[in-house]
Amino acid sequence: MSILAFTKALIYGNNYLMKTVFVMLSGGVDSSVAAAVLKEQEYNVVGVFMKCWSIEQLEGMGVDKDLYGCFWEEDSRDARLVADKLGIPFYVWNFEEEYKQGVVDYMIAEYKAGRTPNPDVMCNSVIKFGVFYKRALKLGADYVATGHYARVQNTEYGHRLFRGLDSNKDQSYFVWRIPREYLSNVLMPIGEFASKAEVRAKAEELDLITADKKDSQGLCFVGETPVRQLLLQTIGEKPGDIVNHSNGDILGEHKGAFQYTIGQRHNLGLSGGPWFVHSIDVVSNVVNVVHGAQEDQIFNNFLQVTDYWLDTNENISAQTRYRQKSHKCKVNIDKNTLRVEFFEPIRAIAKGQSIVFYQDDQLVGGGIIA
């Protein structure tokens, strides 16, 4: 018996030959049901809550503690109660330092550079399928599991990601950066549910405390902390002009061009709208806007992609934001840059966001919009 098998035998007794899965329990209904389903499927299930953010982290950044919107204590308690109900081991792992450096600092730096980051994509890459994945397998896990609405299936080309069956909740967009060699050790049982209502019904059937718990809002782990205020306090206010892109007229003033993104309508403070952000220039600190009558000016057929991978360029579609429908496209690879042409104009393409490619329901690539 290997040392790893011996260790698992000490922990699980006669069940050590069963496959072990470490489930990321967030204190929400999706991960709770994921753990329950996997136990029903006779895995050795271990629940782990990740503490990634705290009021001390916020204060350490020099940010007003009144902005704190992450109530990890309550979520951790709910996760523990779910684990107790299911009769599975439960642990809390602290990834505050890794989250601060890999997600929060990244987000602030991207906004400061005039790009629109996707912290949830980075959180999945750096935390869930980064440090968590590696620690879990090192401790003897055969698999790691999440409550994502996505699916992992074994195809003739190996394990691949697919959209969740519930098209309204599909979260495959957020997990495109999972290394493909990891997928054989990843389980996403919630992706097999046809609707959120079915997930909640399963939780009620099992009498889980999270059955009626509201879905979390805001950024991954940071919770309801207002991003705009976080940016203004960390980067600092930089007043500048809001300019009509069509004629150059100054329409108003902003507190920092970095806080805006293409297509944004709110927090402009302009009358006679609607107005939409057309472009931003963080060097000159100008926010260019167009009136709703010229909204077609924030549509585009082309974009370039860096930091990408792509399995195929045949019969593919892509989406450039979460909850955006997928649009047919074709691609051209020029050295290290991927040029994408859509068959119809796409609204509000923003530098720094992820583009994710699909062939039917299979995720076949992704990258960062440059």
Protein backbone atom coordinates (compact mmCIF):
# COMPACT_ATOMS: atom_id res chain seq x y z
CA MET A 1 0.00 0.00 0.00
CA SER A 2 1.35 3.41 -0.95
CA ILE A 3 1.78 6.17 1.62
CA LEU A 4 -1.12 8.05 0.02
CA ALA A 5 -3.40 5.01 0.15
CA PHE A 6 -2.34 4.33 3.75
CA THR A 7 -3.20 7.92 4.71
CA LYS A 8 -6.62 7.62 3.07
CA ALA A 9 -7.20 4.34 4.89
CA LEU A 10 -6.49 6.07 8.21
CA ILE A 11 -8.98 8.83 7.37
CA TYR A 12 -11.77 6.82 5.76
CA GLY A 13 -11.41 3.37 7.26
CA ASN A 14 -12.94 0.61 5.16
CA ASN A 15 -14.10 3.17 2.59
CA TYR A 16 -10.59 4.12 1.54
CA LEU A 17 -10.90 2.33 -1.81
CA MET A 18 -13.79 4.63 -2.79
CA LYS A 19 -12.91 7.67 -4.85
CA THR A 20 -12.44 10.81 -2.78
CA VAL A 21 -13.74 14.21 -3.86
CA PHE A 22 -13.06 17.54 -2.17
CA VAL A 23 -16.08 19.79 -2.70
CA MET A 24 -15.75 23.58 -2.53
CA LEU A 25 -18.59 24.37 -0.12
CA SER A 26 -19.42 28.07 -0.38
CA GLY A 27 -22.41 28.10 1.95
CA GLY A 28 -24.78 28.40 -1.02
CA VAL A 29 -27.36 25.99 -2.35
CA ASP A 30 -25.47 24.96 -5.52
CA SER A 31 -22.33 23.65 -3.82
CA SER A 32 -24.46 22.11 -1.07
CA VAL A 33 -26.42 20.06 -3.57
CA ALA A 34 -23.23 19.19 -5.45
CA ALA A 35 -21.84 17.63 -2.25
CA ALA A 36 -25.11 15.79 -1.60
CA VAL A 37 -25.30 14.36 -5.13
CA LEU A 38 -21.72 13.14 -4.98
CA LYS A 39 -22.34 11.43 -1.65
CA GLU A 40 -25.38 9.71 -3.17
CA GLN A 41 -23.06 8.53 -5.94
CA GLU A 42 -20.93 6.90 -3.23
CA TYR A 43 -17.86 9.10 -3.29
CA ASN A 44 -15.92 9.85 -0.15
CA VAL A 45 -16.93 13.52 0.08
CA VAL A 46 -14.92 16.15 1.95
CA GLY A 47 -16.34 19.65 2.30
CA VAL A 48 -13.99 22.63 2.25
CA PHE A 49 -14.89 26.29 2.74
CA MET A 50 -12.41 28.79 1.32
CA LYS A 51 -11.82 31.98 3.28
CA CYS A 52 -10.50 34.43 0.72
CA TRP A 53 -11.51 37.85 1.97
CA SER A 54 -11.89 39.65 5.28
CA ILE A 55 -12.41 43.11 6.68
CA GLU A 56 -8.74 43.08 7.74
CA GLN A 57 -7.73 42.70 4.09
CA LEU A 58 -9.90 45.65 3.14
CA GLU A 59 -8.51 47.85 5.92
CA GLY A 60 -4.98 46.79 4.97
CA MET A 61 -5.59 48.34 1.56
CA GLY A 62 -6.51 51.63 3.19
CA VAL A 63 -10.15 51.27 2.20
CA ASP A 64 -13.07 52.38 4.36
CA LYS A 65 -14.35 49.35 6.26
CA ASP A 66 -17.92 50.49 5.57
CA LEU A 67 -17.43 49.13 2.04
CA TYR A 68 -17.05 45.60 3.38
CA GLY A 69 -19.68 43.31 1.90
CA CYS A 70 -18.30 39.80 2.40
CA PHE A 71 -19.91 37.92 5.27
CA TRP A 72 -17.76 34.81 5.23
CA GLU A 73 -18.59 33.92 8.82
CA GLU A 74 -22.24 33.33 7.96
CA ASP A 75 -21.39 31.44 4.76
CA SER A 76 -18.84 29.29 6.60
CA ARG A 77 -21.43 28.45 9.26
CA ASP A 78 -23.97 27.41 6.61
CA ALA A 79 -21.35 25.29 4.84
CA ARG A 80 -20.50 23.56 8.11
CA LEU A 81 -24.18 22.88 8.84
CA VAL A 82 -24.57 21.34 5.38
CA ALA A 83 -21.51 19.14 5.97
CA ASP A 84 -22.91 18.05 9.34
CA LYS A 85 -26.27 17.25 7.75
CA LEU A 86 -24.58 15.15 5.08
CA GLY A 87 -22.23 13.51 7.57
CA ILE A 88 -19.05 14.52 5.76
CA PRO A 89 -15.75 15.98 7.06
CA PHE A 90 -15.47 19.76 6.90
CA TYR A 91 -12.50 22.10 6.79
CA VAL A 92 -11.80 25.81 6.31
CA TRP A 93 -8.83 26.72 4.12
CA ASN A 94 -7.43 30.24 4.15
CA PHE A 95 -6.43 31.68 0.78
CA GLU A 96 -6.59 35.38 1.65
CA GLU A 97 -3.05 36.16 0.54
CA GLU A 98 -3.39 34.29 -2.75
CA TYR A 99 -6.75 35.92 -3.45
CA LYS A 100 -5.48 39.41 -2.69
CA GLN A 101 -2.49 39.03 -5.01
CA GLY A 102 -4.05 36.95 -7.78
CA VAL A 103 -7.54 38.43 -8.01
CA VAL A 104 -7.98 41.77 -6.21
CA ASP A 105 -4.61 43.27 -7.18
CA TYR A 106 -5.11 42.02 -10.74
CA MET A 107 -8.56 43.63 -10.90
CA ILE A 108 -7.35 47.01 -9.68
CA ALA A 109 -4.31 46.99 -11.99
CA GLU A 110 -6.49 46.17 -15.02
CA TYR A 111 -8.96 48.96 -14.32
CA LYS A 112 -6.08 51.37 -13.71
CA ALA A 113 -4.68 50.46 -17.14
CA GLY A 114 -8.01 51.19 -18.82
CA ARG A 115 -9.11 47.58 -19.29
CA THR A 116 -12.20 45.79 -17.99
CA PRO A 117 -11.10 42.70 -16.04
CA ASN A 118 -13.10 39.62 -15.16
CA PRO A 119 -12.27 38.79 -11.51
CA ASP A 120 -14.55 35.73 -11.48
CA VAL A 121 -12.61 34.13 -14.34
CA MET A 122 -9.36 34.86 -12.53
CA CYS A 123 -10.72 33.55 -9.22
CA ASN A 124 -11.54 30.22 -10.85
CA SER A 125 -8.11 30.10 -12.45
CA VAL A 126 -5.97 31.21 -9.50
CA ILE A 127 -7.96 29.98 -6.50
CA LYS A 128 -10.49 27.23 -7.23
CA PHE A 129 -8.59 25.45 -9.99
CA GLY A 130 -5.22 26.74 -8.85
CA VAL A 131 -4.22 26.58 -5.21
CA PHE A 132 -7.33 24.67 -4.07
CA TYR A 133 -7.00 22.03 -6.79
CA LYS A 134 -3.32 21.47 -6.07
CA ARG A 135 -3.77 21.24 -2.29
CA ALA A 136 -6.72 18.87 -2.59
CA LEU A 137 -4.89 16.43 -4.87
CA LYS A 138 -1.79 16.62 -2.68
CA LEU A 139 -3.94 15.60 0.29
CA GLY A 140 -5.24 12.55 -1.54
CA ALA A 141 -8.28 13.75 -3.47
CA ASP A 142 -9.12 11.90 -6.66
CA TYR A 143 -11.38 14.76 -7.71
CA VAL A 144 -12.34 18.31 -6.84
CA ALA A 145 -15.91 19.50 -7.31
CA THR A 146 -17.75 22.81 -7.50
CA GLY A 147 -21.32 24.05 -7.79
CA HIS A 148 -20.79 25.53 -11.25
CA TYR A 149 -23.52 25.24 -13.87
CA ALA A 150 -21.20 23.57 -16.35
CA ARG A 151 -20.35 20.00 -17.30
CA VAL A 152 -17.19 17.95 -17.73
CA GLN A 153 -17.50 15.05 -20.15
CA ASN A 154 -15.06 12.46 -21.41
CA THR A 155 -14.86 12.70 -25.19
CA GLU A 156 -12.76 10.89 -27.78
CA TYR A 157 -10.23 13.72 -27.36
CA GLY A 158 -10.18 13.52 -23.57
CA HIS A 159 -12.13 15.36 -20.90
CA ARG A 160 -13.71 18.59 -22.12
CA LEU A 161 -15.95 21.35 -20.77
CA PHE A 162 -19.56 21.79 -21.88
CA ARG A 163 -22.31 24.27 -21.12
CA GLY A 164 -24.64 23.47 -18.24
CA LEU A 165 -28.01 22.02 -19.19
CA ASP A 166 -29.74 25.10 -17.77
CA SER A 167 -29.00 27.69 -20.45
CA ASN A 168 -30.20 30.49 -18.16
CA LYS A 169 -27.63 29.63 -15.50
CA ASP A 170 -24.77 28.28 -17.64
CA GLN A 171 -21.41 29.32 -16.11
CA SER A 172 -19.00 27.63 -18.50
CA TYR A 173 -17.85 31.12 -19.57
CA PHE A 174 -16.21 31.59 -16.18
CA VAL A 175 -14.16 28.36 -16.21
CA TRP A 176 -12.49 28.52 -19.62
CA ARG A 177 -9.05 28.88 -18.00
CA ILE A 178 -9.13 25.51 -16.23
CA PRO A 179 -6.11 23.63 -17.65
CA ARG A 180 -7.46 20.85 -19.83
CA GLU A 181 -5.17 18.33 -18.14
CA TYR A 182 -7.02 19.05 -14.87
CA LEU A 183 -10.46 18.18 -16.23
CA SER A 184 -10.17 14.43 -15.63
CA ASN A 185 -10.05 15.29 -11.92
CA VAL A 186 -12.95 17.79 -11.95
CA LEU A 187 -16.62 17.11 -11.23
CA MET A 188 -19.47 19.60 -11.78
CA PRO A 189 -22.70 17.76 -10.92
CA ILE A 190 -24.90 20.89 -10.87
CA GLY A 191 -24.40 21.28 -14.60
CA GLU A 192 -26.57 18.21 -15.07
CA PHE A 193 -29.63 19.88 -13.50
CA ALA A 194 -32.15 21.33 -15.95
CA SER A 195 -33.00 24.33 -13.77
CA LYS A 196 -32.24 26.18 -10.56
CA ALA A 197 -35.68 25.15 -9.34
CA GLU A 198 -34.59 21.50 -9.55
CA VAL A 199 -31.46 22.29 -7.52
CA ARG A 200 -33.51 24.00 -4.81
CA ALA A 201 -36.05 21.14 -4.82
CA LYS A 202 -33.21 18.70 -4.23
CA ALA A 203 -31.93 20.81 -1.33
CA GLU A 204 -35.43 20.93 0.19
CA GLU A 205 -35.79 17.18 -0.21
CA LEU A 206 -32.58 16.73 1.79
CA ASP A 207 -33.60 19.42 4.31
CA LEU A 208 -30.45 21.46 3.70
CA ILE A 209 -30.28 24.84 5.41
CA THR A 210 -29.26 26.48 2.12
CA ALA A 211 -32.38 25.38 0.21
CA ASP A 212 -33.98 28.85 0.28
CA LYS A 213 -30.80 30.90 0.63
CA LYS A 214 -30.53 33.74 -1.88
CA ASP A 215 -27.84 33.55 -4.53
CA SER A 216 -24.71 35.54 -3.71
CA GLN A 217 -24.29 38.85 -5.50
CA GLY A 218 -21.23 40.78 -6.57
CA LEU A 219 -17.72 39.50 -7.12
CA CYS A 220 -16.44 36.05 -6.28
CA PHE A 221 -15.70 36.08 -2.49
CA VAL A 222 -15.64 39.89 -2.24
CA GLY A 223 -19.44 39.81 -2.14
CA GLU A 224 -21.39 43.05 -2.16
CA THR A 225 -18.43 45.40 -1.79
CA PRO A 226 -19.14 48.16 -4.39
CA VAL A 227 -16.37 47.85 -6.98
CA ARG A 228 -16.67 51.47 -8.11
CA GLN A 229 -16.03 52.79 -4.61
CA LEU A 230 -13.25 50.25 -4.06
CA LEU A 231 -11.49 51.53 -7.18
CA LEU A 232 -11.90 55.19 -6.26
CA GLN A 233 -10.42 54.58 -2.82
CA THR A 234 -7.51 52.41 -3.97
CA ILE A 235 -6.54 54.24 -7.17
CA GLY A 236 -7.69 57.68 -6.05
CA GLU A 237 -10.10 60.18 -7.55
CA LYS A 238 -8.93 61.75 -10.82
CA PRO A 239 -11.50 64.27 -12.09
CA GLY A 240 -11.76 64.55 -15.86
CA ASP A 241 -14.15 65.32 -18.71
CA ILE A 242 -17.04 63.33 -20.12
CA VAL A 243 -17.06 64.15 -23.82
CA ASN A 244 -19.62 63.65 -26.57
CA HIS A 245 -17.75 61.41 -29.00
CA SER A 246 -19.83 62.67 -31.92
CA ASN A 247 -18.92 66.38 -31.69
CA GLY A 248 -16.33 66.81 -28.92
CA ASP A 249 -18.62 68.77 -26.58
CA ILE A 250 -17.86 68.46 -22.86
CA LEU A 251 -21.01 67.13 -21.20
CA GLY A 252 -19.91 66.60 -17.61
CA GLU A 253 -17.18 65.50 -15.21
CA HIS A 254 -16.14 62.14 -13.79
CA LYS A 255 -13.92 61.09 -10.87
CA GLY A 256 -11.68 58.76 -12.86
CA ALA A 257 -11.87 57.32 -16.36
CA PHE A 258 -10.62 53.96 -15.06
CA GLN A 259 -13.95 53.19 -13.37
CA TYR A 260 -15.92 53.00 -16.64
CA THR A 261 -16.31 50.30 -19.26
CA ILE A 262 -17.55 50.23 -22.86
CA GLY A 263 -21.33 50.28 -23.15
CA GLN A 264 -21.87 51.49 -19.58
CA ARG A 265 -24.98 53.59 -19.05
CA HIS A 266 -25.16 54.17 -15.31
CA ASN A 267 -23.14 56.48 -13.04
CA LEU A 268 -22.54 59.04 -15.79
CA GLY A 269 -24.68 61.76 -14.25
CA LEU A 270 -25.71 63.18 -17.63
CA SER A 271 -29.09 64.62 -18.55
CA GLY A 272 -30.90 64.14 -21.84
CA GLY A 273 -29.93 60.50 -22.11
CA PRO A 274 -29.62 57.68 -22.47
CA TRP A 275 -25.84 58.02 -22.87
CA PHE A 276 -23.42 55.10 -23.30
CA VAL A 277 -19.67 54.92 -22.81
CA HIS A 278 -18.05 54.68 -26.24
CA SER A 279 -14.40 54.58 -25.14
CA ILE A 280 -12.10 55.66 -22.34
CA ASP A 281 -8.57 57.06 -22.31
CA VAL A 282 -6.87 56.69 -18.94
CA VAL A 283 -3.82 58.66 -20.11
CA SER A 284 -5.78 61.81 -20.97
CA ASN A 285 -8.42 60.79 -18.38
CA VAL A 286 -11.33 61.30 -20.81
CA VAL A 287 -14.56 59.31 -21.01
CA ASN A 288 -16.16 59.45 -24.46
CA VAL A 289 -19.90 58.84 -24.69
CA VAL A 290 -22.51 58.54 -27.41
CA HIS A 291 -26.23 59.23 -27.22
CA GLY A 292 -28.68 56.37 -27.45
CA ALA A 293 -29.57 57.49 -30.97
CA GLN A 294 -25.98 56.64 -31.98
CA GLU A 295 -25.73 53.44 -29.95
CA ASP A 296 -24.68 51.59 -33.10
CA GLN A 297 -21.25 53.23 -32.64
CA ILE A 298 -20.46 50.86 -29.75
CA PHE A 299 -20.98 47.80 -31.96
CA ASN A 300 -18.06 46.10 -33.72
CA ASN A 301 -17.41 43.05 -35.88
CA PHE A 302 -13.73 42.60 -35.04
CA LEU A 303 -11.48 42.04 -32.06
CA GLN A 304 -8.02 40.69 -31.25
CA VAL A 305 -7.22 38.11 -28.57
CA THR A 306 -4.11 37.30 -26.57
CA ASP A 307 -3.36 34.68 -23.91
CA TYR A 308 -5.62 32.23 -25.71
CA TRP A 309 -6.09 28.57 -26.48
CA LEU A 310 -8.28 27.13 -29.24
CA ASP A 311 -9.01 23.50 -30.08
CA THR A 312 -10.70 24.14 -33.41
CA ASN A 313 -11.66 27.01 -35.71
CA GLU A 314 -14.45 25.15 -37.53
CA ASN A 315 -18.12 26.02 -37.02
CA ILE A 316 -17.48 28.04 -33.88
CA SER A 317 -19.27 30.82 -32.06
CA ALA A 318 -18.11 33.06 -29.24
CA GLN A 319 -19.36 35.30 -26.48
CA THR A 320 -17.48 38.31 -25.15
CA ARG A 321 -19.39 38.74 -21.88
CA TYR A 322 -21.26 36.51 -19.45
CA ARG A 323 -24.99 36.15 -20.23
CA GLN A 324 -24.37 37.37 -23.75
CA LYS A 325 -25.63 35.00 -26.41
CA SER A 326 -23.00 33.25 -28.48
CA HIS A 327 -22.38 34.68 -31.98
CA LYS A 328 -20.96 32.90 -34.99
CA CYS A 329 -17.45 33.93 -35.93
CA LYS A 330 -14.30 33.02 -37.82
CA VAL A 331 -10.72 33.37 -36.63
CA ASN A 332 -7.31 34.08 -38.08
CA ILE A 333 -4.09 33.39 -36.20
CA ASP A 334 -1.25 35.85 -36.73
CA LYS A 335 1.81 34.92 -34.64
CA ASN A 336 0.66 35.18 -31.00
CA THR A 337 -2.52 37.12 -31.74
CA LEU A 338 -5.91 35.70 -32.62
CA ARG A 339 -8.07 37.94 -34.83
CA VAL A 340 -11.80 37.28 -34.57
CA GLU A 341 -14.42 38.39 -37.07
CA PHE A 342 -18.09 38.08 -36.13
CA PHE A 343 -20.77 37.58 -38.78
CA GLU A 344 -22.87 40.28 -37.10
CA PRO A 345 -21.87 43.33 -35.01
CA ILE A 346 -21.31 42.75 -31.27
CA ARG A 347 -22.21 45.34 -28.64
CA ALA A 348 -19.68 46.80 -26.19
CA ILE A 349 -16.54 44.73 -26.76
CA ALA A 350 -14.20 45.64 -23.91
CA LYS A 351 -10.44 45.16 -23.59
CA GLY A 352 -9.55 42.86 -20.71
CA GLN A 353 -12.74 40.81 -20.83
CA SER A 354 -12.74 37.14 -21.72
CA ILE A 355 -13.89 35.78 -25.05
CA VAL A 356 -14.99 32.15 -24.92
CA PHE A 357 -15.42 29.94 -27.99
CA TYR A 358 -17.97 27.15 -28.42
CA GLN A 359 -18.78 24.46 -30.93
CA ASP A 360 -22.42 23.74 -30.18
CA ASP A 361 -22.37 23.24 -26.38
CA GLN A 362 -18.70 22.30 -26.10
CA LEU A 363 -16.23 24.93 -24.91
CA VAL A 364 -13.38 24.82 -27.42
CA GLY A 365 -11.27 27.85 -26.49
CA GLY A 366 -10.90 31.16 -24.76
CA GLY A 367 -8.69 34.19 -24.42
CA ILE A 368 -8.38 37.80 -23.29
CA ILE A 369 -9.67 40.60 -25.52
CA ALA A 370 -6.78 42.87 -26.45
